[in-house]
Amino acid sequence: MIERFFKVNHRDIVYLKFILEAYEGMNVMSTVDNKVGIIRIAIMPGFQDDMDGLLAELGRQVNMEPVEWHHETYAF
């Protein structure tokens, strides 16, 4: 599984969750830090190219800034 982290506007979190849930089985999106607006997108094996295209398109619609995030700073 590949993890990507993005800083997004709070108002876009629900929109992104709704869109990404439509691609069931390809990814899982979760909010890592609601105060800052950090989301985690876990990409399932074999779907990286498809998700790269989807994330590029979503990035044209909403501001998604890639960020580094350390596993020990969040818990599920």
PDB file of N, CA and C in Angstrom:
ATOM      1  N   MET A   1       0.842  -1.172   0.000  1.00  0.00           N
ATOM      2  CA  MET A   1       0.000   0.000   0.000  1.00  0.00           C
ATOM      3  C   MET A   1       0.888   1.236   0.000  1.00  0.00           C
ATOM      4  N   ILE A   2       0.528   2.188  -0.819  1.00  0.00           N
ATOM      5  CA  ILE A   2       1.255   3.456  -0.920  1.00  0.00           C
ATOM      6  C   ILE A   2       0.438   4.520  -0.206  1.00  0.00           C
ATOM      7  N   GLU A   3       1.082   5.284   0.646  1.00  0.00           N
ATOM      8  CA  GLU A   3       0.396   6.364   1.361  1.00  0.00           C
ATOM      9  C   GLU A   3       0.854   7.705   0.821  1.00  0.00           C
ATOM     10  N   ARG A   4      -0.118   8.574   0.621  1.00  0.00           N
ATOM     11  CA  ARG A   4       0.166   9.953   0.223  1.00  0.00           C
ATOM     12  C   ARG A   4      -0.583  10.868   1.190  1.00  0.00           C
ATOM     13  N   PHE A   5       0.058  11.963   1.521  1.00  0.00           N
ATOM     14  CA  PHE A   5      -0.531  12.925   2.448  1.00  0.00           C
ATOM     15  C   PHE A   5      -0.637  14.274   1.749  1.00  0.00           C
ATOM     16  N   PHE A   6      -1.762  14.944   1.990  1.00  0.00           N
ATOM     17  CA  PHE A   6      -2.015  16.243   1.370  1.00  0.00           C
ATOM     18  C   PHE A   6      -2.598  17.190   2.400  1.00  0.00           C
ATOM     19  N   LYS A   7      -2.247  18.461   2.262  1.00  0.00           N
ATOM     20  CA  LYS A   7      -2.902  19.516   3.027  1.00  0.00           C
ATOM     21  C   LYS A   7      -3.968  20.096   2.118  1.00  0.00           C
ATOM     22  N   VAL A   8      -5.210  20.136   2.620  1.00  0.00           N
ATOM     23  CA  VAL A   8      -6.334  20.631   1.830  1.00  0.00           C
ATOM     24  C   VAL A   8      -7.145  21.611   2.669  1.00  0.00           C
ATOM     25  N   ASN A   9      -7.957  22.405   1.998  1.00  0.00           N
ATOM     26  CA  ASN A   9      -8.872  23.293   2.710  1.00  0.00           C
ATOM     27  C   ASN A   9      -9.934  22.449   3.401  1.00  0.00           C
ATOM     28  N   HIS A  10     -10.327  22.863   4.579  1.00  0.00           N
ATOM     29  CA  HIS A  10     -11.332  22.116   5.337  1.00  0.00           C
ATOM     30  C   HIS A  10     -12.603  21.881   4.531  1.00  0.00           C
ATOM     31  N   ARG A  11     -13.012  22.872   3.774  1.00  0.00           N
ATOM     32  CA  ARG A  11     -14.256  22.753   3.016  1.00  0.00           C
ATOM     33  C   ARG A  11     -14.170  21.694   1.916  1.00  0.00           C
ATOM     34  N   ASP A  12     -12.950  21.289   1.541  1.00  0.00           N
ATOM     35  CA  ASP A  12     -12.772  20.307   0.473  1.00  0.00           C
ATOM     36  C   ASP A  12     -12.655  18.869   0.974  1.00  0.00           C
ATOM     37  N   ILE A  13     -12.508  18.665   2.262  1.00  0.00           N
ATOM     38  CA  ILE A  13     -12.309  17.318   2.800  1.00  0.00           C
ATOM     39  C   ILE A  13     -13.500  16.417   2.478  1.00  0.00           C
ATOM     40  N   VAL A  14     -14.702  16.879   2.722  1.00  0.00           N
ATOM     41  CA  VAL A  14     -15.892  16.053   2.470  1.00  0.00           C
ATOM     42  C   VAL A  14     -16.049  15.791   0.975  1.00  0.00           C
ATOM     43  N   TYR A  15     -15.801  16.793   0.148  1.00  0.00           N
ATOM     44  CA  TYR A  15     -15.886  16.617  -1.300  1.00  0.00           C
ATOM     45  C   TYR A  15     -14.914  15.533  -1.767  1.00  0.00           C
ATOM     46  N   LEU A  16     -13.656  15.622  -1.316  1.00  0.00           N
ATOM     47  CA  LEU A  16     -12.663  14.635  -1.712  1.00  0.00           C
ATOM     48  C   LEU A  16     -13.035  13.238  -1.220  1.00  0.00           C
ATOM     49  N   LYS A  17     -13.514  13.152  -0.001  1.00  0.00           N
ATOM     50  CA  LYS A  17     -13.934  11.848   0.554  1.00  0.00           C
ATOM     51  C   LYS A  17     -15.043  11.248  -0.313  1.00  0.00           C
ATOM     52  N   PHE A  18     -16.005  12.051  -0.695  1.00  0.00           N
ATOM     53  CA  PHE A  18     -17.127  11.589  -1.515  1.00  0.00           C
ATOM     54  C   PHE A  18     -16.634  11.067  -2.865  1.00  0.00           C
ATOM     55  N   ILE A  19     -15.765  11.825  -3.526  1.00  0.00           N
ATOM     56  CA  ILE A  19     -15.242  11.424  -4.828  1.00  0.00           C
ATOM     57  C   ILE A  19     -14.393  10.161  -4.701  1.00  0.00           C
ATOM     58  N   LEU A  20     -13.473  10.134  -3.747  1.00  0.00           N
ATOM     59  CA  LEU A  20     -12.575   8.994  -3.613  1.00  0.00           C
ATOM     60  C   LEU A  20     -13.300   7.716  -3.199  1.00  0.00           C
ATOM     61  N   GLU A  21     -14.382   7.834  -2.422  1.00  0.00           N
ATOM     62  CA  GLU A  21     -15.159   6.650  -2.056  1.00  0.00           C
ATOM     63  C   GLU A  21     -15.813   6.009  -3.274  1.00  0.00           C
ATOM     64  N   ALA A  22     -16.049   6.792  -4.321  1.00  0.00           N
ATOM     65  CA  ALA A  22     -16.634   6.243  -5.543  1.00  0.00           C
ATOM     66  C   ALA A  22     -15.674   5.267  -6.226  1.00  0.00           C
ATOM     67  N   TYR A  23     -14.399   5.379  -5.920  1.00  0.00           N
ATOM     68  CA  TYR A  23     -13.385   4.483  -6.474  1.00  0.00           C
ATOM     69  C   TYR A  23     -13.054   3.400  -5.445  1.00  0.00           C
ATOM     70  N   GLU A  24     -14.077   2.749  -4.963  1.00  0.00           N
ATOM     71  CA  GLU A  24     -13.985   1.721  -3.932  1.00  0.00           C
ATOM     72  C   GLU A  24     -13.007   0.624  -4.349  1.00  0.00           C
ATOM     73  N   GLY A  25     -12.170   0.244  -3.426  1.00  0.00           N
ATOM     74  CA  GLY A  25     -11.193  -0.800  -3.679  1.00  0.00           C
ATOM     75  C   GLY A  25      -9.865  -0.290  -4.204  1.00  0.00           C
ATOM     76  N   MET A  26      -9.839   0.951  -4.669  1.00  0.00           N
ATOM     77  CA  MET A  26      -8.603   1.530  -5.188  1.00  0.00           C
ATOM     78  C   MET A  26      -7.843   2.310  -4.121  1.00  0.00           C
ATOM     79  N   ASN A  27      -8.584   2.864  -3.160  1.00  0.00           N
ATOM     80  CA  ASN A  27      -7.951   3.731  -2.173  1.00  0.00           C
ATOM     81  C   ASN A  27      -8.808   3.828  -0.919  1.00  0.00           C
ATOM     82  N   VAL A  28      -8.188   4.349   0.118  1.00  0.00           N
ATOM     83  CA  VAL A  28      -8.897   4.687   1.349  1.00  0.00           C
ATOM     84  C   VAL A  28      -8.399   6.062   1.771  1.00  0.00           C
ATOM     85  N   MET A  29      -9.323   6.996   1.964  1.00  0.00           N
ATOM     86  CA  MET A  29      -8.955   8.328   2.414  1.00  0.00           C
ATOM     87  C   MET A  29      -9.360   8.496   3.862  1.00  0.00           C
ATOM     88  N   SER A  30      -8.478   9.091   4.647  1.00  0.00           N
ATOM     89  CA  SER A  30      -8.812   9.394   6.037  1.00  0.00           C
ATOM     90  C   SER A  30      -8.231  10.760   6.394  1.00  0.00           C
ATOM     91  N   THR A  31      -8.839  11.395   7.364  1.00  0.00           N
ATOM     92  CA  THR A  31      -8.352  12.680   7.856  1.00  0.00           C
ATOM     93  C   THR A  31      -7.355  12.397   8.965  1.00  0.00           C
ATOM     94  N   VAL A  32      -6.155  12.915   8.808  1.00  0.00           N
ATOM     95  CA  VAL A  32      -5.095  12.694   9.788  1.00  0.00           C
ATOM     96  C   VAL A  32      -5.085  13.809  10.827  1.00  0.00           C
ATOM     97  N   ASP A  33      -5.234  15.038  10.376  1.00  0.00           N
ATOM     98  CA  ASP A  33      -5.231  16.189  11.278  1.00  0.00           C
ATOM     99  C   ASP A  33      -6.297  17.164  10.793  1.00  0.00           C
ATOM    100  N   ASN A  34      -7.427  17.158  11.458  1.00  0.00           N
ATOM    101  CA  ASN A  34      -8.547  18.001  11.054  1.00  0.00           C
ATOM    102  C   ASN A  34      -8.253  19.487  11.255  1.00  0.00           C
ATOM    103  N   LYS A  35      -7.470  19.825  12.266  1.00  0.00           N
ATOM    104  CA  LYS A  35      -7.164  21.231  12.529  1.00  0.00           C
ATOM    105  C   LYS A  35      -6.357  21.856  11.400  1.00  0.00           C
ATOM    106  N   VAL A  36      -5.404  21.101  10.887  1.00  0.00           N
ATOM    107  CA  VAL A  36      -4.517  21.613   9.839  1.00  0.00           C
ATOM    108  C   VAL A  36      -5.063  21.315   8.446  1.00  0.00           C
ATOM    109  N   GLY A  37      -5.894  20.282   8.332  1.00  0.00           N
ATOM    110  CA  GLY A  37      -6.453  19.886   7.040  1.00  0.00           C
ATOM    111  C   GLY A  37      -5.573  18.883   6.313  1.00  0.00           C
ATOM    112  N   ILE A  38      -5.001  17.946   7.063  1.00  0.00           N
ATOM    113  CA  ILE A  38      -4.138  16.926   6.464  1.00  0.00           C
ATOM    114  C   ILE A  38      -4.957  15.653   6.242  1.00  0.00           C
ATOM    115  N   ILE A  39      -4.919  15.150   5.001  1.00  0.00           N
ATOM    116  CA  ILE A  39      -5.586  13.892   4.690  1.00  0.00           C
ATOM    117  C   ILE A  39      -4.544  12.864   4.263  1.00  0.00           C
ATOM    118  N   ARG A  40      -4.892  11.603   4.447  1.00  0.00           N
ATOM    119  CA  ARG A  40      -4.055  10.477   4.031  1.00  0.00           C
ATOM    120  C   ARG A  40      -4.831   9.697   2.982  1.00  0.00           C
ATOM    121  N   ILE A  41      -4.190   9.418   1.867  1.00  0.00           N
ATOM    122  CA  ILE A  41      -4.793   8.577   0.848  1.00  0.00           C
ATOM    123  C   ILE A  41      -3.909   7.340   0.719  1.00  0.00           C
ATOM    124  N   ALA A  42      -4.489   6.192   1.078  1.00  0.00           N
ATOM    125  CA  ALA A  42      -3.784   4.919   0.962  1.00  0.00           C
ATOM    126  C   ALA A  42      -4.204   4.286  -0.356  1.00  0.00           C
ATOM    127  N   ILE A  43      -3.242   4.053  -1.218  1.00  0.00           N
ATOM    128  CA  ILE A  43      -3.503   3.524  -2.553  1.00  0.00           C
ATOM    129  C   ILE A  43      -3.209   2.029  -2.557  1.00  0.00           C
ATOM    130  N   MET A  44      -4.171   1.254  -2.982  1.00  0.00           N
ATOM    131  CA  MET A  44      -4.026  -0.193  -3.002  1.00  0.00           C
ATOM    132  C   MET A  44      -3.074  -0.622  -4.123  1.00  0.00           C
ATOM    133  N   PRO A  45      -2.372  -1.729  -3.916  1.00  0.00           N
ATOM    134  CA  PRO A  45      -1.439  -2.217  -4.935  1.00  0.00           C
ATOM    135  C   PRO A  45      -2.133  -2.410  -6.289  1.00  0.00           C
ATOM    136  N   GLY A  46      -1.419  -1.991  -7.329  1.00  0.00           N
ATOM    137  CA  GLY A  46      -1.927  -2.143  -8.686  1.00  0.00           C
ATOM    138  C   GLY A  46      -2.737  -0.971  -9.203  1.00  0.00           C
ATOM    139  N   PHE A  47      -3.015  -0.001  -8.333  1.00  0.00           N
ATOM    140  CA  PHE A  47      -3.848   1.136  -8.736  1.00  0.00           C
ATOM    141  C   PHE A  47      -3.100   2.465  -8.727  1.00  0.00           C
ATOM    142  N   GLN A  48      -1.788   2.433  -8.584  1.00  0.00           N
ATOM    143  CA  GLN A  48      -1.029   3.677  -8.460  1.00  0.00           C
ATOM    144  C   GLN A  48      -1.186   4.569  -9.694  1.00  0.00           C
ATOM    145  N   ASP A  49      -1.084   4.003 -10.884  1.00  0.00           N
ATOM    146  CA  ASP A  49      -1.205   4.825 -12.099  1.00  0.00           C
ATOM    147  C   ASP A  49      -2.595   5.445 -12.222  1.00  0.00           C
ATOM    148  N   ASP A  50      -3.631   4.641 -11.947  1.00  0.00           N
ATOM    149  CA  ASP A  50      -5.000   5.161 -11.998  1.00  0.00           C
ATOM    150  C   ASP A  50      -5.203   6.276 -10.980  1.00  0.00           C
ATOM    151  N   MET A  51      -4.696   6.072  -9.780  1.00  0.00           N
ATOM    152  CA  MET A  51      -4.861   7.075  -8.724  1.00  0.00           C
ATOM    153  C   MET A  51      -4.028   8.319  -9.016  1.00  0.00           C
ATOM    154  N   ASP A  52      -2.853   8.157  -9.620  1.00  0.00           N
ATOM    155  CA  ASP A  52      -2.055   9.333  -9.999  1.00  0.00           C
ATOM    156  C   ASP A  52      -2.859  10.225 -10.947  1.00  0.00           C
ATOM    157  N   GLY A  53      -3.532   9.618 -11.907  1.00  0.00           N
ATOM    158  CA  GLY A  53      -4.361  10.386 -12.835  1.00  0.00           C
ATOM    159  C   GLY A  53      -5.534  11.050 -12.145  1.00  0.00           C
ATOM    160  N   LEU A  54      -6.196  10.306 -11.266  1.00  0.00           N
ATOM    161  CA  LEU A  54      -7.337  10.855 -10.534  1.00  0.00           C
ATOM    162  C   LEU A  54      -6.899  12.003  -9.620  1.00  0.00           C
ATOM    163  N   LEU A  55      -5.800  11.813  -8.896  1.00  0.00           N
ATOM    164  CA  LEU A  55      -5.327  12.864  -7.994  1.00  0.00           C
ATOM    165  C   LEU A  55      -4.872  14.100  -8.766  1.00  0.00           C
ATOM    166  N   ALA A  56      -4.295  13.908  -9.941  1.00  0.00           N
ATOM    167  CA  ALA A  56      -3.909  15.060 -10.769  1.00  0.00           C
ATOM    168  C   ALA A  56      -5.148  15.850 -11.178  1.00  0.00           C
ATOM    169  N   GLU A  57      -6.203  15.148 -11.572  1.00  0.00           N
ATOM    170  CA  GLU A  57      -7.450  15.834 -11.953  1.00  0.00           C
ATOM    171  C   GLU A  57      -8.084  16.529 -10.750  1.00  0.00           C
ATOM    172  N   LEU A  58      -8.132  15.857  -9.621  1.00  0.00           N
ATOM    173  CA  LEU A  58      -8.692  16.480  -8.416  1.00  0.00           C
ATOM    174  C   LEU A  58      -7.873  17.703  -8.012  1.00  0.00           C
ATOM    175  N   GLY A  59      -6.562  17.641  -8.221  1.00  0.00           N
ATOM    176  CA  GLY A  59      -5.690  18.770  -7.901  1.00  0.00           C
ATOM    177  C   GLY A  59      -5.963  19.989  -8.767  1.00  0.00           C
ATOM    178  N   ARG A  60      -6.582  19.787  -9.914  1.00  0.00           N
ATOM    179  CA  ARG A  60      -6.975  20.928 -10.750  1.00  0.00           C
ATOM    180  C   ARG A  60      -8.286  21.555 -10.248  1.00  0.00           C
ATOM    181  N   GLN A  61      -9.027  20.804  -9.470  1.00  0.00           N
ATOM    182  CA  GLN A  61     -10.318  21.275  -8.970  1.00  0.00           C
ATOM    183  C   GLN A  61     -10.226  21.870  -7.570  1.00  0.00           C
ATOM    184  N   VAL A  62      -9.362  21.300  -6.732  1.00  0.00           N
ATOM    185  CA  VAL A  62      -9.190  21.786  -5.358  1.00  0.00           C
ATOM    186  C   VAL A  62      -7.698  21.864  -5.046  1.00  0.00           C
ATOM    187  N   ASN A  63      -7.349  22.697  -4.101  1.00  0.00           N
ATOM    188  CA  ASN A  63      -5.959  22.849  -3.698  1.00  0.00           C
ATOM    189  C   ASN A  63      -5.547  21.658  -2.838  1.00  0.00           C
ATOM    190  N   MET A  64      -4.629  20.836  -3.354  1.00  0.00           N
ATOM    191  CA  MET A  64      -4.116  19.668  -2.639  1.00  0.00           C
ATOM    192  C   MET A  64      -2.596  19.768  -2.611  1.00  0.00           C
ATOM    193  N   GLU A  65      -2.058  20.211  -1.493  1.00  0.00           N
ATOM    194  CA  GLU A  65      -0.613  20.382  -1.367  1.00  0.00           C
ATOM    195  C   GLU A  65       0.008  19.115  -0.773  1.00  0.00           C
ATOM    196  N   PRO A  66       0.867  18.417  -1.529  1.00  0.00           N
ATOM    197  CA  PRO A  66       1.522  17.231  -0.957  1.00  0.00           C
ATOM    198  C   PRO A  66       2.365  17.628   0.253  1.00  0.00           C
ATOM    199  N   VAL A  67       2.309  16.824   1.300  1.00  0.00           N
ATOM    200  CA  VAL A  67       3.086  17.090   2.514  1.00  0.00           C
ATOM    201  C   VAL A  67       3.723  15.796   2.995  1.00  0.00           C
ATOM    202  N   GLU A  68       4.786  15.940   3.768  1.00  0.00           N
ATOM    203  CA  GLU A  68       5.409  14.806   4.455  1.00  0.00           C
ATOM    204  C   GLU A  68       4.694  14.631   5.788  1.00  0.00           C
ATOM    205  N   TRP A  69       4.458  13.401   6.165  1.00  0.00           N
ATOM    206  CA  TRP A  69       3.788  13.133   7.443  1.00  0.00           C
ATOM    207  C   TRP A  69       4.407  11.881   8.028  1.00  0.00           C
ATOM    208  N   HIS A  70       4.679  11.907   9.301  1.00  0.00           N
ATOM    209  CA  HIS A  70       5.334  10.778   9.957  1.00  0.00           C
ATOM    210  C   HIS A  70       4.305   9.931  10.684  1.00  0.00           C
ATOM    211  N   HIS A  71       4.406   8.634  10.530  1.00  0.00           N
ATOM    212  CA  HIS A  71       3.430   7.702  11.090  1.00  0.00           C
ATOM    213  C   HIS A  71       3.237   7.864  12.597  1.00  0.00           C
ATOM    214  N   GLU A  72       4.289   8.166  13.305  1.00  0.00           N
ATOM    215  CA  GLU A  72       4.147   8.265  14.756  1.00  0.00           C
ATOM    216  C   GLU A  72       3.365   9.504  15.193  1.00  0.00           C
ATOM    217  N   THR A  73       3.061  10.409  14.261  1.00  0.00           N
ATOM    218  CA  THR A  73       2.323  11.623  14.630  1.00  0.00           C
ATOM    219  C   THR A  73       0.813  11.446  14.522  1.00  0.00           C
ATOM    220  N   TYR A  74       0.348  10.280  14.080  1.00  0.00           N
ATOM    221  CA  TYR A  74      -1.088  10.048  14.028  1.00  0.00           C
ATOM    222  C   TYR A  74      -1.409   8.615  14.422  1.00  0.00           C
ATOM    223  N   ALA A  75      -2.624   8.427  14.842  1.00  0.00           N
ATOM    224  CA  ALA A  75      -3.068   7.089  15.238  1.00  0.00           C
ATOM    225  C   ALA A  75      -4.465   6.857  14.676  1.00  0.00           C
ATOM    226  N   PHE A  76      -4.728   5.614  14.291  1.00  0.00           N
ATOM    227  CA  PHE A  76      -6.046   5.271  13.758  1.00  0.00           C
ATOM    228  C   PHE A  76      -6.783   4.426  14.751  1.00  0.00           C
TER     229      PHE A  76
END
